[in-house]
Amino acid sequence: MRSRRRQRALILLTGLALLTVGVLALTTRTVMFPREDQPGPADAIVVLGGLGSAAVVEEAVGLAEAGYSEHILISDAFGGDTRPANLCARPVPVPGTTIVVECFDPHPTTTRGEAEAIAAFATEQGWDRVIVVTSSYHVSRARLQISQCYAGSLAVIGARQSMDPLKWAYQFVYQSAGFVKAWVMPAC
């Protein structure tokens, strides 16, 4: 009887260990080495809010300057503390270009809220193709959540920024948990 209990416990622990290794492998792939899309002509370039906003905005402006879209839409998911004040005061053209920048406050102030806002803007504006720019570690989760709401063509591009190992560890855990949550609770 005891050996059966031990055997069952060993099988259960082995299964749990394999599941944990599988989840870690999957989240390592999606958070640290995400699949990024190639940009193409788009109706808008959407910047997701977050801690890497300066690099993300710079990437979006670079894409617009390269001719992918003349419209940049910037999310202010953190209530004004991460938006570039020089671009979000009002809809303004980027100096020396025909690029127009607008900002929006998603509700809720999460990737889910941003996904819902992108879908609403696309419906209102008749957008068929959107480029989304976010932090590199957020690419996979952003793609999953936005594609749950937005039916058009979607390209997701990550902006790289330097982070110390502690910030990477935090983002690994946070993004992994968010990815699982997005699978369990679809955005739209």
N, C-alpha and C. Protein backbone atom coordinates (compact mmCIF):
# COMPACT_ATOMS: atom_id res chain seq x y z
N MET A 1 0.82 -1.19 0.00
CA MET A 1 0.00 0.00 0.00
C MET A 1 0.86 1.26 0.00
N ARG A 2 1.90 1.26 0.85
CA ARG A 2 2.79 2.41 0.92
C ARG A 2 3.51 2.65 -0.39
N SER A 3 3.95 1.58 -1.05
CA SER A 3 4.68 1.74 -2.29
C SER A 3 3.78 2.31 -3.39
N ARG A 4 2.48 2.00 -3.36
CA ARG A 4 1.55 2.57 -4.34
C ARG A 4 1.40 4.07 -4.12
N ARG A 5 1.31 4.47 -2.87
CA ARG A 5 1.22 5.91 -2.55
C ARG A 5 2.47 6.63 -3.01
N ARG A 6 3.60 6.03 -2.72
CA ARG A 6 4.87 6.64 -3.15
C ARG A 6 4.94 6.72 -4.66
N GLN A 7 4.50 5.66 -5.29
CA GLN A 7 4.53 5.63 -6.76
C GLN A 7 3.61 6.71 -7.34
N ARG A 8 2.41 6.84 -6.80
CA ARG A 8 1.48 7.87 -7.25
C ARG A 8 2.04 9.27 -6.99
N ALA A 9 2.62 9.45 -5.82
CA ALA A 9 3.22 10.75 -5.48
C ALA A 9 4.37 11.07 -6.43
N LEU A 10 5.18 10.06 -6.74
CA LEU A 10 6.29 10.27 -7.67
C LEU A 10 5.77 10.62 -9.06
N ILE A 11 4.73 9.94 -9.52
CA ILE A 11 4.14 10.22 -10.83
C ILE A 11 3.58 11.64 -10.84
N LEU A 12 2.89 12.01 -9.78
CA LEU A 12 2.31 13.35 -9.68
C LEU A 12 3.41 14.42 -9.68
N LEU A 13 4.44 14.22 -8.90
CA LEU A 13 5.55 15.17 -8.85
C LEU A 13 6.28 15.26 -10.19
N THR A 14 6.47 14.13 -10.85
CA THR A 14 7.12 14.12 -12.16
C THR A 14 6.27 14.88 -13.17
N GLY A 15 4.97 14.63 -13.15
CA GLY A 15 4.07 15.35 -14.06
C GLY A 15 4.08 16.85 -13.79
N LEU A 16 4.07 17.21 -12.53
CA LEU A 16 4.11 18.63 -12.15
C LEU A 16 5.43 19.27 -12.59
N ALA A 17 6.53 18.55 -12.42
CA ALA A 17 7.84 19.06 -12.84
C ALA A 17 7.89 19.24 -14.36
N LEU A 18 7.36 18.27 -15.10
CA LEU A 18 7.34 18.38 -16.56
C LEU A 18 6.46 19.53 -17.02
N LEU A 19 5.32 19.71 -16.38
CA LEU A 19 4.43 20.82 -16.70
C LEU A 19 5.12 22.16 -16.42
N THR A 20 5.81 22.24 -15.30
CA THR A 20 6.53 23.47 -14.96
C THR A 20 7.62 23.77 -15.98
N VAL A 21 8.39 22.76 -16.36
CA VAL A 21 9.43 22.94 -17.38
C VAL A 21 8.82 23.38 -18.70
N GLY A 22 7.70 22.78 -19.08
CA GLY A 22 7.02 23.16 -20.33
C GLY A 22 6.54 24.60 -20.31
N VAL A 23 5.93 25.00 -19.20
CA VAL A 23 5.45 26.38 -19.07
C VAL A 23 6.64 27.35 -19.11
N LEU A 24 7.71 27.03 -18.42
CA LEU A 24 8.90 27.89 -18.43
C LEU A 24 9.49 28.00 -19.83
N ALA A 25 9.53 26.89 -20.56
CA ALA A 25 10.06 26.92 -21.93
C ALA A 25 9.18 27.79 -22.83
N LEU A 26 7.89 27.60 -22.72
CA LEU A 26 6.96 28.39 -23.54
C LEU A 26 7.04 29.87 -23.21
N THR A 27 7.04 30.20 -21.94
CA THR A 27 7.09 31.62 -21.57
C THR A 27 8.45 32.24 -21.88
N THR A 28 9.51 31.46 -21.79
CA THR A 28 10.82 31.99 -22.18
C THR A 28 10.79 32.36 -23.66
N ARG A 29 10.22 31.49 -24.47
CA ARG A 29 10.12 31.75 -25.91
C ARG A 29 9.27 32.98 -26.19
N THR A 30 8.12 33.09 -25.54
CA THR A 30 7.19 34.19 -25.85
C THR A 30 7.61 35.52 -25.24
N VAL A 31 8.29 35.50 -24.11
CA VAL A 31 8.68 36.76 -23.46
C VAL A 31 10.06 37.23 -23.92
N MET A 32 11.03 36.34 -23.93
CA MET A 32 12.40 36.77 -24.22
C MET A 32 12.75 36.71 -25.71
N PHE A 33 12.11 35.84 -26.46
CA PHE A 33 12.41 35.68 -27.87
C PHE A 33 11.12 35.66 -28.70
N PRO A 34 10.34 36.73 -28.66
CA PRO A 34 9.04 36.72 -29.35
C PRO A 34 9.19 36.78 -30.86
N ARG A 35 8.16 36.30 -31.54
CA ARG A 35 8.10 36.42 -33.00
C ARG A 35 7.60 37.83 -33.30
N GLU A 36 8.39 38.57 -34.03
CA GLU A 36 7.99 39.92 -34.43
C GLU A 36 7.63 39.91 -35.91
N ASP A 37 6.68 40.76 -36.26
CA ASP A 37 6.22 40.83 -37.65
C ASP A 37 7.03 41.85 -38.43
N GLN A 38 7.02 41.69 -39.74
CA GLN A 38 7.63 42.69 -40.63
C GLN A 38 6.61 43.81 -40.84
N PRO A 39 7.05 45.04 -40.75
CA PRO A 39 6.10 46.14 -40.99
C PRO A 39 5.74 46.21 -42.47
N GLY A 40 4.56 46.73 -42.70
CA GLY A 40 4.09 46.97 -44.06
C GLY A 40 3.19 48.19 -44.01
N PRO A 41 2.76 48.68 -45.14
CA PRO A 41 1.87 49.85 -45.13
C PRO A 41 0.67 49.59 -44.21
N ALA A 42 0.32 50.59 -43.41
CA ALA A 42 -0.76 50.43 -42.44
C ALA A 42 -1.59 51.70 -42.35
N ASP A 43 -2.80 51.53 -41.86
CA ASP A 43 -3.68 52.68 -41.63
C ASP A 43 -3.23 53.48 -40.41
N ALA A 44 -2.61 52.79 -39.44
CA ALA A 44 -2.13 53.47 -38.24
C ALA A 44 -1.04 52.66 -37.58
N ILE A 45 -0.20 53.37 -36.84
CA ILE A 45 0.80 52.75 -35.98
C ILE A 45 0.35 53.06 -34.57
N VAL A 46 0.12 52.02 -33.78
CA VAL A 46 -0.37 52.20 -32.41
C VAL A 46 0.74 51.88 -31.44
N VAL A 47 0.99 52.81 -30.52
CA VAL A 47 2.00 52.65 -29.49
C VAL A 47 1.29 52.24 -28.21
N LEU A 48 1.66 51.08 -27.66
CA LEU A 48 1.08 50.66 -26.40
C LEU A 48 1.82 51.34 -25.25
N GLY A 49 1.08 51.69 -24.21
CA GLY A 49 1.68 52.34 -23.04
C GLY A 49 2.52 51.36 -22.27
N GLY A 50 3.39 51.87 -21.46
CA GLY A 50 4.20 50.98 -20.65
C GLY A 50 5.49 51.61 -20.21
N LEU A 51 6.28 50.82 -19.52
CA LEU A 51 7.49 51.33 -18.90
C LEU A 51 8.59 51.66 -19.90
N GLY A 52 8.55 51.11 -21.10
CA GLY A 52 9.57 51.39 -22.10
C GLY A 52 9.10 52.39 -23.13
N SER A 53 8.25 53.31 -22.74
CA SER A 53 7.58 54.20 -23.70
C SER A 53 8.52 54.99 -24.60
N ALA A 54 9.60 55.52 -24.08
CA ALA A 54 10.48 56.34 -24.92
C ALA A 54 11.01 55.54 -26.11
N ALA A 55 11.48 54.33 -25.86
CA ALA A 55 12.00 53.49 -26.94
C ALA A 55 10.88 53.07 -27.88
N VAL A 56 9.70 52.83 -27.34
CA VAL A 56 8.56 52.40 -28.15
C VAL A 56 8.09 53.54 -29.05
N VAL A 57 7.99 54.73 -28.49
CA VAL A 57 7.58 55.89 -29.28
C VAL A 57 8.62 56.17 -30.36
N GLU A 58 9.88 56.08 -30.03
CA GLU A 58 10.95 56.30 -31.00
C GLU A 58 10.85 55.30 -32.16
N GLU A 59 10.57 54.06 -31.85
CA GLU A 59 10.41 53.02 -32.88
C GLU A 59 9.22 53.35 -33.78
N ALA A 60 8.10 53.77 -33.16
CA ALA A 60 6.89 54.10 -33.93
C ALA A 60 7.13 55.29 -34.85
N VAL A 61 7.78 56.32 -34.34
CA VAL A 61 8.08 57.49 -35.17
C VAL A 61 9.01 57.10 -36.31
N GLY A 62 9.97 56.24 -36.04
CA GLY A 62 10.86 55.76 -37.10
C GLY A 62 10.10 55.01 -38.18
N LEU A 63 9.13 54.18 -37.78
CA LEU A 63 8.31 53.46 -38.76
C LEU A 63 7.48 54.44 -39.59
N ALA A 64 6.93 55.46 -38.93
CA ALA A 64 6.14 56.46 -39.65
C ALA A 64 7.03 57.24 -40.62
N GLU A 65 8.20 57.63 -40.16
CA GLU A 65 9.12 58.37 -41.03
C GLU A 65 9.58 57.51 -42.22
N ALA A 66 9.60 56.19 -42.03
CA ALA A 66 9.97 55.28 -43.11
C ALA A 66 8.82 55.08 -44.10
N GLY A 67 7.65 55.67 -43.80
CA GLY A 67 6.54 55.65 -44.73
C GLY A 67 5.49 54.57 -44.50
N TYR A 68 5.52 53.88 -43.39
CA TYR A 68 4.55 52.82 -43.15
C TYR A 68 3.15 53.35 -42.83
N SER A 69 3.06 54.52 -42.23
CA SER A 69 1.77 55.15 -41.94
C SER A 69 2.00 56.61 -41.59
N GLU A 70 0.99 57.43 -41.84
CA GLU A 70 1.08 58.84 -41.47
C GLU A 70 0.31 59.12 -40.18
N HIS A 71 -0.17 58.08 -39.52
CA HIS A 71 -0.98 58.25 -38.31
C HIS A 71 -0.40 57.41 -37.18
N ILE A 72 -0.02 58.07 -36.09
CA ILE A 72 0.46 57.38 -34.89
C ILE A 72 -0.55 57.62 -33.79
N LEU A 73 -0.96 56.56 -33.14
CA LEU A 73 -1.91 56.61 -32.03
C LEU A 73 -1.18 56.09 -30.79
N ILE A 74 -1.05 56.92 -29.77
CA ILE A 74 -0.28 56.56 -28.58
C ILE A 74 -1.21 56.32 -27.39
N SER A 75 -1.07 55.17 -26.77
CA SER A 75 -1.84 54.84 -25.58
C SER A 75 -1.17 55.44 -24.35
N ASP A 76 -1.99 55.96 -23.48
CA ASP A 76 -1.50 56.46 -22.20
C ASP A 76 -2.07 55.60 -21.09
N ALA A 77 -1.64 54.35 -21.06
CA ALA A 77 -2.20 53.39 -20.11
C ALA A 77 -1.80 53.65 -18.67
N PHE A 78 -0.85 54.55 -18.44
CA PHE A 78 -0.40 54.81 -17.08
C PHE A 78 -0.76 56.21 -16.60
N GLY A 79 -1.79 56.80 -17.18
CA GLY A 79 -2.31 58.04 -16.65
C GLY A 79 -1.43 59.26 -16.78
N GLY A 80 -0.75 59.44 -17.88
CA GLY A 80 0.00 60.67 -18.12
C GLY A 80 1.46 60.63 -17.73
N ASP A 81 1.91 59.62 -17.00
CA ASP A 81 3.30 59.64 -16.57
C ASP A 81 4.25 59.05 -17.59
N THR A 82 3.75 58.40 -18.62
CA THR A 82 4.66 57.81 -19.60
C THR A 82 4.47 58.37 -20.99
N ARG A 83 3.45 59.17 -21.20
CA ARG A 83 3.25 59.68 -22.55
C ARG A 83 4.24 60.80 -22.85
N PRO A 84 4.69 60.89 -24.09
CA PRO A 84 5.61 61.97 -24.45
C PRO A 84 4.81 63.28 -24.58
N ALA A 85 4.97 64.17 -23.63
CA ALA A 85 4.18 65.41 -23.57
C ALA A 85 4.26 66.20 -24.87
N ASN A 86 5.41 66.18 -25.54
CA ASN A 86 5.55 66.96 -26.78
C ASN A 86 4.72 66.39 -27.92
N LEU A 87 4.28 65.14 -27.82
CA LEU A 87 3.49 64.54 -28.89
C LEU A 87 2.01 64.40 -28.52
N CYS A 88 1.69 64.42 -27.24
CA CYS A 88 0.32 64.12 -26.82
C CYS A 88 -0.47 65.33 -26.33
N ALA A 89 0.06 66.51 -26.41
CA ALA A 89 -0.70 67.67 -25.94
C ALA A 89 -2.00 67.82 -26.73
N ARG A 90 -1.95 67.54 -28.00
CA ARG A 90 -3.12 67.60 -28.88
C ARG A 90 -2.72 66.88 -30.18
N PRO A 91 -3.67 66.53 -31.03
CA PRO A 91 -3.25 65.93 -32.30
C PRO A 91 -2.34 66.90 -33.06
N VAL A 92 -1.11 66.51 -33.28
CA VAL A 92 -0.14 67.39 -33.91
C VAL A 92 0.64 66.65 -34.98
N PRO A 93 1.09 67.39 -36.00
CA PRO A 93 2.00 66.75 -36.96
C PRO A 93 3.40 66.70 -36.39
N VAL A 94 4.14 65.67 -36.74
CA VAL A 94 5.54 65.60 -36.37
C VAL A 94 6.27 66.61 -37.26
N PRO A 95 7.05 67.52 -36.67
CA PRO A 95 7.70 68.57 -37.46
C PRO A 95 8.45 68.02 -38.68
N GLY A 96 8.23 68.66 -39.81
CA GLY A 96 8.92 68.30 -41.04
C GLY A 96 8.31 67.10 -41.75
N THR A 97 7.15 66.61 -41.29
CA THR A 97 6.52 65.44 -41.91
C THR A 97 5.01 65.68 -42.03
N THR A 98 4.35 64.73 -42.62
CA THR A 98 2.88 64.76 -42.68
C THR A 98 2.29 63.80 -41.65
N ILE A 99 3.11 63.34 -40.72
CA ILE A 99 2.68 62.39 -39.70
C ILE A 99 1.87 63.11 -38.62
N VAL A 100 0.72 62.55 -38.32
CA VAL A 100 -0.14 63.11 -37.27
C VAL A 100 -0.15 62.15 -36.09
N VAL A 101 0.02 62.71 -34.89
CA VAL A 101 0.05 61.92 -33.67
C VAL A 101 -1.16 62.26 -32.82
N GLU A 102 -1.85 61.23 -32.35
CA GLU A 102 -2.95 61.38 -31.41
C GLU A 102 -2.69 60.47 -30.22
N CYS A 103 -3.28 60.82 -29.09
CA CYS A 103 -3.14 59.99 -27.90
C CYS A 103 -4.50 59.61 -27.36
N PHE A 104 -4.58 58.48 -26.68
CA PHE A 104 -5.84 58.04 -26.10
C PHE A 104 -5.59 57.39 -24.75
N ASP A 105 -6.62 57.42 -23.93
CA ASP A 105 -6.58 56.79 -22.62
C ASP A 105 -7.44 55.54 -22.67
N PRO A 106 -6.84 54.34 -22.62
CA PRO A 106 -7.63 53.11 -22.68
C PRO A 106 -8.38 52.87 -21.36
N HIS A 107 -9.54 52.24 -21.49
CA HIS A 107 -10.31 51.87 -20.30
C HIS A 107 -10.73 50.42 -20.47
N PRO A 108 -10.26 49.52 -19.63
CA PRO A 108 -9.36 49.74 -18.51
C PRO A 108 -7.94 50.04 -18.99
N THR A 109 -7.11 50.50 -18.06
CA THR A 109 -5.75 50.89 -18.42
C THR A 109 -4.82 49.67 -18.42
N THR A 110 -5.14 48.76 -19.32
CA THR A 110 -4.40 47.50 -19.45
C THR A 110 -4.24 47.19 -20.93
N THR A 111 -3.52 46.14 -21.24
CA THR A 111 -3.42 45.69 -22.63
C THR A 111 -4.81 45.33 -23.15
N ARG A 112 -5.63 44.78 -22.30
CA ARG A 112 -7.00 44.46 -22.70
C ARG A 112 -7.75 45.73 -23.12
N GLY A 113 -7.62 46.79 -22.32
CA GLY A 113 -8.26 48.06 -22.67
C GLY A 113 -7.71 48.63 -23.96
N GLU A 114 -6.41 48.50 -24.16
CA GLU A 114 -5.79 48.96 -25.39
C GLU A 114 -6.31 48.16 -26.59
N ALA A 115 -6.46 46.85 -26.42
CA ALA A 115 -6.97 45.99 -27.50
C ALA A 115 -8.39 46.41 -27.87
N GLU A 116 -9.22 46.66 -26.87
CA GLU A 116 -10.60 47.10 -27.12
C GLU A 116 -10.62 48.46 -27.82
N ALA A 117 -9.73 49.37 -27.41
CA ALA A 117 -9.65 50.69 -28.03
C ALA A 117 -9.20 50.58 -29.49
N ILE A 118 -8.22 49.74 -29.77
CA ILE A 118 -7.75 49.56 -31.14
C ILE A 118 -8.89 49.06 -32.02
N ALA A 119 -9.65 48.10 -31.52
CA ALA A 119 -10.79 47.57 -32.29
C ALA A 119 -11.82 48.67 -32.54
N ALA A 120 -12.08 49.49 -31.54
CA ALA A 120 -13.06 50.58 -31.69
C ALA A 120 -12.57 51.62 -32.70
N PHE A 121 -11.30 52.02 -32.59
CA PHE A 121 -10.73 52.98 -33.55
C PHE A 121 -10.79 52.41 -34.97
N ALA A 122 -10.44 51.14 -35.10
CA ALA A 122 -10.44 50.51 -36.42
C ALA A 122 -11.84 50.52 -37.04
N THR A 123 -12.83 50.24 -36.22
CA THR A 123 -14.21 50.25 -36.71
C THR A 123 -14.62 51.67 -37.11
N GLU A 124 -14.33 52.64 -36.24
CA GLU A 124 -14.70 54.04 -36.51
C GLU A 124 -13.99 54.60 -37.73
N GLN A 125 -12.72 54.27 -37.87
CA GLN A 125 -11.89 54.87 -38.92
C GLN A 125 -11.82 54.01 -40.19
N GLY A 126 -12.35 52.80 -40.14
CA GLY A 126 -12.28 51.92 -41.29
C GLY A 126 -10.89 51.35 -41.54
N TRP A 127 -10.13 51.14 -40.48
CA TRP A 127 -8.78 50.60 -40.63
C TRP A 127 -8.83 49.12 -40.96
N ASP A 128 -7.95 48.72 -41.89
CA ASP A 128 -7.81 47.31 -42.26
C ASP A 128 -6.49 46.72 -41.78
N ARG A 129 -5.50 47.59 -41.57
CA ARG A 129 -4.16 47.11 -41.17
C ARG A 129 -3.58 48.06 -40.14
N VAL A 130 -3.08 47.47 -39.05
CA VAL A 130 -2.51 48.24 -37.95
C VAL A 130 -1.15 47.66 -37.60
N ILE A 131 -0.20 48.53 -37.34
CA ILE A 131 1.09 48.13 -36.77
C ILE A 131 1.04 48.52 -35.30
N VAL A 132 1.33 47.59 -34.42
CA VAL A 132 1.38 47.86 -32.99
C VAL A 132 2.83 47.79 -32.56
N VAL A 133 3.27 48.81 -31.84
CA VAL A 133 4.63 48.84 -31.33
C VAL A 133 4.55 48.81 -29.80
N THR A 134 5.33 47.92 -29.22
CA THR A 134 5.34 47.77 -27.76
C THR A 134 6.74 47.35 -27.33
N SER A 135 6.94 47.18 -26.05
CA SER A 135 8.23 46.70 -25.56
C SER A 135 8.45 45.27 -26.04
N SER A 136 9.68 44.90 -26.30
CA SER A 136 9.97 43.60 -26.89
C SER A 136 9.43 42.45 -26.06
N TYR A 137 9.48 42.55 -24.74
CA TYR A 137 9.01 41.47 -23.89
C TYR A 137 7.48 41.35 -23.88
N HIS A 138 6.78 42.32 -24.44
CA HIS A 138 5.31 42.37 -24.42
C HIS A 138 4.70 41.96 -25.76
N VAL A 139 5.52 41.69 -26.76
CA VAL A 139 5.05 41.44 -28.13
C VAL A 139 4.05 40.29 -28.21
N SER A 140 4.37 39.14 -27.65
CA SER A 140 3.51 37.96 -27.79
C SER A 140 2.16 38.16 -27.11
N ARG A 141 2.18 38.69 -25.90
CA ARG A 141 0.92 38.90 -25.18
C ARG A 141 0.07 39.97 -25.86
N ALA A 142 0.73 41.03 -26.35
CA ALA A 142 -0.01 42.08 -27.06
C ALA A 142 -0.67 41.51 -28.30
N ARG A 143 0.06 40.69 -29.07
CA ARG A 143 -0.50 40.09 -30.28
C ARG A 143 -1.72 39.23 -29.93
N LEU A 144 -1.60 38.42 -28.89
CA LEU A 144 -2.70 37.56 -28.49
C LEU A 144 -3.94 38.39 -28.12
N GLN A 145 -3.76 39.37 -27.25
CA GLN A 145 -4.91 40.13 -26.78
C GLN A 145 -5.51 41.02 -27.87
N ILE A 146 -4.69 41.65 -28.67
CA ILE A 146 -5.23 42.52 -29.72
C ILE A 146 -5.94 41.69 -30.78
N SER A 147 -5.38 40.55 -31.14
CA SER A 147 -6.03 39.72 -32.16
C SER A 147 -7.35 39.14 -31.66
N GLN A 148 -7.59 39.12 -30.37
CA GLN A 148 -8.87 38.68 -29.83
C GLN A 148 -9.95 39.74 -30.06
N CYS A 149 -9.54 40.99 -30.28
CA CYS A 149 -10.50 42.10 -30.45
C CYS A 149 -10.52 42.65 -31.88
N TYR A 150 -9.37 42.71 -32.50
CA TYR A 150 -9.23 43.36 -33.80
C TYR A 150 -9.12 42.30 -34.89
N ALA A 151 -10.03 42.35 -35.87
CA ALA A 151 -10.09 41.32 -36.91
C ALA A 151 -9.23 41.65 -38.13
N GLY A 152 -8.71 42.86 -38.22
CA GLY A 152 -7.92 43.25 -39.38
C GLY A 152 -6.51 42.68 -39.34
N SER A 153 -5.72 43.08 -40.32
CA SER A 153 -4.33 42.65 -40.41
C SER A 153 -3.52 43.35 -39.31
N LEU A 154 -2.72 42.57 -38.60
CA LEU A 154 -1.99 43.08 -37.44
C LEU A 154 -0.51 42.72 -37.54
N ALA A 155 0.34 43.72 -37.39
CA ALA A 155 1.79 43.49 -37.28
C ALA A 155 2.21 44.02 -35.92
N VAL A 156 2.91 43.20 -35.15
CA VAL A 156 3.37 43.62 -33.82
C VAL A 156 4.89 43.64 -33.83
N ILE A 157 5.42 44.79 -33.41
CA ILE A 157 6.87 45.02 -33.44
C ILE A 157 7.32 45.43 -32.05
N GLY A 158 8.44 44.91 -31.61
CA GLY A 158 8.96 45.23 -30.29
C GLY A 158 10.11 46.21 -30.35
N ALA A 159 10.11 47.11 -29.38
CA ALA A 159 11.22 48.04 -29.23
C ALA A 159 12.10 47.53 -28.09
N ARG A 160 13.34 47.41 -28.36
CA ARG A 160 14.28 46.90 -27.36
C ARG A 160 14.79 48.03 -26.48
N GLN A 161 14.91 47.73 -25.20
CA GLN A 161 15.52 48.68 -24.28
C GLN A 161 16.37 47.87 -23.31
N SER A 162 17.40 48.50 -22.80
CA SER A 162 18.27 47.77 -21.89
C SER A 162 17.59 47.69 -20.52
N MET A 163 17.70 46.52 -19.93
CA MET A 163 17.14 46.29 -18.60
C MET A 163 18.12 45.45 -17.79
N ASP A 164 18.18 45.74 -16.51
CA ASP A 164 19.04 44.92 -15.66
C ASP A 164 18.35 43.57 -15.40
N PRO A 165 19.09 42.60 -14.90
CA PRO A 165 18.53 41.25 -14.69
C PRO A 165 17.29 41.23 -13.79
N LEU A 166 17.22 42.10 -12.80
CA LEU A 166 16.06 42.12 -11.92
C LEU A 166 14.80 42.56 -12.67
N LYS A 167 14.94 43.57 -13.54
CA LYS A 167 13.78 44.01 -14.33
C LYS A 167 13.37 42.92 -15.32
N TRP A 168 14.35 42.23 -15.91
CA TRP A 168 14.02 41.13 -16.82
C TRP A 168 13.27 40.03 -16.07
N ALA A 169 13.74 39.70 -14.87
CA ALA A 169 13.06 38.66 -14.08
C ALA A 169 11.63 39.08 -13.77
N TYR A 170 11.45 40.34 -13.38
CA TYR A 170 10.11 40.85 -13.10
C TYR A 170 9.23 40.74 -14.33
N GLN A 171 9.73 41.22 -15.48
CA GLN A 171 8.93 41.17 -16.70
C GLN A 171 8.64 39.73 -17.13
N PHE A 172 9.59 38.84 -16.91
CA PHE A 172 9.38 37.45 -17.26
C PHE A 172 8.18 36.90 -16.48
N VAL A 173 8.16 37.13 -15.19
CA VAL A 173 7.06 36.64 -14.35
C VAL A 173 5.76 37.35 -14.70
N TYR A 174 5.81 38.67 -14.81
CA TYR A 174 4.60 39.47 -15.07
C TYR A 174 3.99 39.12 -16.43
N GLN A 175 4.82 39.10 -17.47
CA GLN A 175 4.32 38.80 -18.82
C GLN A 175 3.84 37.37 -18.92
N SER A 176 4.51 36.44 -18.27
CA SER A 176 4.09 35.04 -18.29
C SER A 176 2.71 34.89 -17.66
N ALA A 177 2.52 35.51 -16.51
CA ALA A 177 1.21 35.46 -15.84
C ALA A 177 0.15 36.14 -16.70
N GLY A 178 0.50 37.27 -17.30
CA GLY A 178 -0.44 37.97 -18.17
C GLY A 178 -0.81 37.16 -19.40
N PHE A 179 0.15 36.42 -19.93
CA PHE A 179 -0.10 35.59 -21.11
C PHE A 179 -1.08 34.48 -20.76
N VAL A 180 -0.88 33.83 -19.63
CA VAL A 180 -1.79 32.76 -19.19
C VAL A 180 -3.18 33.35 -18.97
N LYS A 181 -3.25 34.52 -18.32
CA LYS A 181 -4.54 35.17 -18.07
C LYS A 181 -5.24 35.49 -19.39
N ALA A 182 -4.49 35.95 -20.38
CA ALA A 182 -5.09 36.29 -21.68
C ALA A 182 -5.64 35.06 -22.37
N TRP A 183 -5.03 33.92 -22.19
CA TRP A 183 -5.54 32.67 -22.75
C TRP A 183 -6.84 32.26 -22.06
N VAL A 184 -6.85 32.41 -20.74
CA VAL A 184 -8.00 31.97 -19.95
C VAL A 184 -9.17 32.94 -20.08
N MET A 185 -8.88 34.25 -20.07
CA MET A 185 -9.90 35.29 -20.12
C MET A 185 -9.68 36.15 -21.37
N PRO A 186 -10.24 35.76 -22.52
CA PRO A 186 -10.03 36.54 -23.73
C PRO A 186 -10.43 38.01 -23.57
N ALA A 187 -9.75 38.88 -24.28
CA ALA A 187 -9.97 40.33 -24.16
C ALA A 187 -11.36 40.74 -24.62
N CYS A 188 -11.83 40.23 -25.72
CA CYS A 188 -13.12 40.68 -26.25
C CYS A 188 -14.07 39.52 -26.46
